[in-house]
Every structure is written in C-alpha cells, then in structure tokens.
Amino acid sequence: MIVGRYPGLDRFQSRFSFQCLERQPGPGDLPDAAANWLLPKADWVFITASSIANKTLPHLLSLCQQARVVLMGPSLPWLEEWGDFGVDYLAGVQITEPQQLWDVVLQAGGTQLFANGLHYRLLAL
C-alpha cells in the first residue's frame, strides 16, 4: 500500500502489486479515506513524508500496527525517533553536493533537484 502518489510510480505497476491512496485520486488510485479500511490489513505501507506537513501521519501510523512502515520522500526528517512511532524504515535523500544542488535551485531546476547534488538513502530503524 502506498500513501501518496509519486512521480514515476506507474512504471512499477507491472513489476509489483500495490494500491495507491491519494488525496486527489487519479486513474487507478483510491481516495485517501480508504486508508481506514485498507491500512490495517496491509503487510507493507509506504507513506509520503508530506503527511507530516499535512498532519495526517499520526492517524496513518495508528492504522499500520500490523505492517512494515516506510516513511519516505525528499522532505523526510532523518530522525531515529520515528521508530518509536511505528516507522520501520526511512527512505529519502541526502545532500552530497550542496553547491551543485544550490546551483540547480537558483536556476529554478524543479525536479532536476532530484538528479543533482543528492543521493537516495534507506535507513532501517
């Protein structure tokens, strides 16, 4: 189960079986209200770190008691304490070349940010 639509997610549709819960559902997505029924039955749940900002994370985590939970995204705060709240893994980005990243920002690089000056990381808690 994936909470929050990510760019490029569709390319994994043929390789993995998953459902996507989205606040503004598109084709093939389920509305986020379905979380109340689906998350308690899930084995794995991938939750966007945007749920921290939109204040839905506490409720989502309360629904994931039986699942392995991955909190993920570029806005993820890298804190081991997430494990105290039921998060099993953190998946996000680490800035490796601050100047290169800053140059992309200054040029209004948009999603180019995710291709320059940083690396994706996974941390088991």
Protein backbone atom coordinates (compact mmCIF):
# COMPACT_ATOMS: atom_id res chain seq x y z
CA MET A 1 0.00 0.00 0.00
CA ILE A 2 1.36 3.42 -0.95
CA VAL A 3 0.04 6.59 0.65
CA GLY A 4 0.67 9.48 -1.72
CA ARG A 5 1.29 9.36 -5.47
CA TYR A 6 4.92 9.71 -6.50
CA PRO A 7 6.15 10.77 -9.95
CA GLY A 8 7.05 7.69 -11.99
CA LEU A 9 5.13 5.29 -9.78
CA ASP A 10 3.26 3.85 -12.76
CA ARG A 11 6.41 2.28 -14.17
CA PHE A 12 6.38 -0.20 -11.26
CA GLN A 13 2.77 -1.27 -11.85
CA SER A 14 3.80 -4.27 -13.98
CA ARG A 15 6.50 -5.41 -11.53
CA PHE A 16 4.74 -5.04 -8.18
CA SER A 17 1.22 -5.40 -6.93
CA PHE A 18 0.23 -2.29 -4.98
CA GLN A 19 -2.58 0.15 -4.40
CA CYS A 20 -2.08 3.90 -4.12
CA LEU A 21 -4.11 6.07 -1.77
CA GLU A 22 -4.21 9.69 -2.87
CA ARG A 23 -5.92 12.83 -1.59
CA GLN A 24 -6.70 13.82 -5.19
CA PRO A 25 -7.01 10.38 -6.81
CA GLY A 26 -6.18 9.89 -10.45
CA PRO A 27 -6.81 6.86 -12.65
CA GLY A 28 -6.19 3.68 -10.66
CA ASP A 29 -5.81 5.49 -7.32
CA LEU A 30 -8.05 5.05 -4.32
CA PRO A 31 -9.27 8.03 -2.26
CA ASP A 32 -7.29 8.65 0.91
CA ALA A 33 -10.38 7.89 3.04
CA ALA A 34 -9.93 4.22 2.07
CA ALA A 35 -6.90 4.17 4.40
CA ASN A 36 -9.20 3.47 7.35
CA TRP A 37 -10.16 0.10 5.86
CA LEU A 38 -7.06 -0.89 3.87
CA LEU A 39 -4.05 0.04 6.01
CA PRO A 40 -4.92 -2.22 8.96
CA LYS A 41 -4.81 -5.20 6.55
CA ALA A 42 -1.58 -4.22 4.76
CA ASP A 43 1.73 -6.05 5.09
CA TRP A 44 3.81 -3.09 3.87
CA VAL A 45 2.87 0.60 3.84
CA PHE A 46 4.89 3.33 2.16
CA ILE A 47 3.87 6.77 3.46
CA THR A 48 4.89 10.08 1.95
CA ALA A 49 6.71 12.39 4.34
CA SER A 50 4.28 15.09 3.16
CA SER A 51 1.91 13.50 5.66
CA ILE A 52 3.96 15.19 8.38
CA ALA A 53 3.16 18.64 6.99
CA ASN A 54 -0.49 17.90 6.27
CA LYS A 55 -0.88 16.42 9.78
CA THR A 56 -2.19 13.01 8.65
CA LEU A 57 0.84 10.96 9.73
CA PRO A 58 -0.29 10.18 13.31
CA HIS A 59 -3.59 8.76 12.07
CA LEU A 60 -1.93 6.82 9.25
CA LEU A 61 0.58 5.27 11.64
CA SER A 62 -2.21 4.29 14.03
CA LEU A 63 -3.73 2.27 11.18
CA CYS A 64 -0.48 0.45 10.38
CA GLN A 65 0.01 -1.55 13.57
CA GLN A 66 0.49 -4.86 11.68
CA ALA A 67 2.54 -3.54 8.75
CA ARG A 68 6.15 -2.77 7.99
CA VAL A 69 6.13 1.01 7.52
CA VAL A 70 8.42 3.06 5.29
CA LEU A 71 8.32 6.84 5.73
CA MET A 72 9.70 8.32 2.55
CA GLY A 73 10.28 11.35 0.39
CA PRO A 74 12.60 14.30 -0.06
CA SER A 75 11.03 16.24 2.82
CA LEU A 76 11.77 13.43 5.30
CA PRO A 77 13.42 14.47 8.59
CA TRP A 78 16.13 11.85 9.29
CA LEU A 79 15.32 11.03 12.91
CA GLU A 80 15.79 7.61 14.50
CA GLU A 81 12.93 8.50 16.85
CA TRP A 82 10.44 7.72 14.05
CA GLY A 83 10.93 4.11 15.16
CA ASP A 84 9.18 4.97 18.44
CA PHE A 85 6.05 5.77 16.42
CA GLY A 86 5.96 2.57 14.40
CA VAL A 87 8.13 3.50 11.41
CA ASP A 88 10.46 0.66 10.38
CA TYR A 89 12.42 2.34 7.56
CA LEU A 90 13.27 5.84 6.37
CA ALA A 91 13.77 6.40 2.65
CA GLY A 92 14.75 9.82 1.43
CA VAL A 93 17.53 11.96 0.08
CA GLN A 94 20.87 13.04 1.47
CA ILE A 95 22.54 16.19 0.18
CA THR A 96 26.02 15.25 -1.01
CA GLU A 97 26.97 18.26 -3.15
CA PRO A 98 25.41 21.36 -1.57
CA GLN A 99 26.83 23.81 -4.13
CA GLN A 100 25.64 21.73 -7.09
CA LEU A 101 22.19 21.48 -5.54
CA TRP A 102 22.11 25.21 -4.81
CA ASP A 103 23.02 25.97 -8.45
CA VAL A 104 20.03 23.92 -9.65
CA VAL A 105 17.75 25.75 -7.19
CA LEU A 106 19.00 29.14 -8.41
CA GLN A 107 18.19 28.10 -11.97
CA ALA A 108 14.65 27.05 -10.96
CA GLY A 109 15.54 23.43 -11.70
CA GLY A 110 12.27 21.88 -10.48
CA THR A 111 12.52 18.09 -10.44
CA GLN A 112 16.12 18.38 -11.65
CA LEU A 113 16.83 18.86 -7.95
CA PHE A 114 16.50 15.12 -7.51
CA ALA A 115 19.18 14.33 -10.09
CA ASN A 116 21.93 16.70 -8.90
CA GLY A 117 23.80 17.00 -5.64
CA LEU A 118 22.00 14.34 -3.66
CA HIS A 119 21.64 10.58 -3.26
CA TYR A 120 18.73 8.41 -2.25
CA ARG A 121 19.18 6.61 1.05
CA LEU A 122 17.41 3.90 3.03
CA LEU A 123 17.76 3.51 6.79
CA ALA A 124 16.36 0.60 8.79
CA LEU A 125 15.28 1.67 12.29
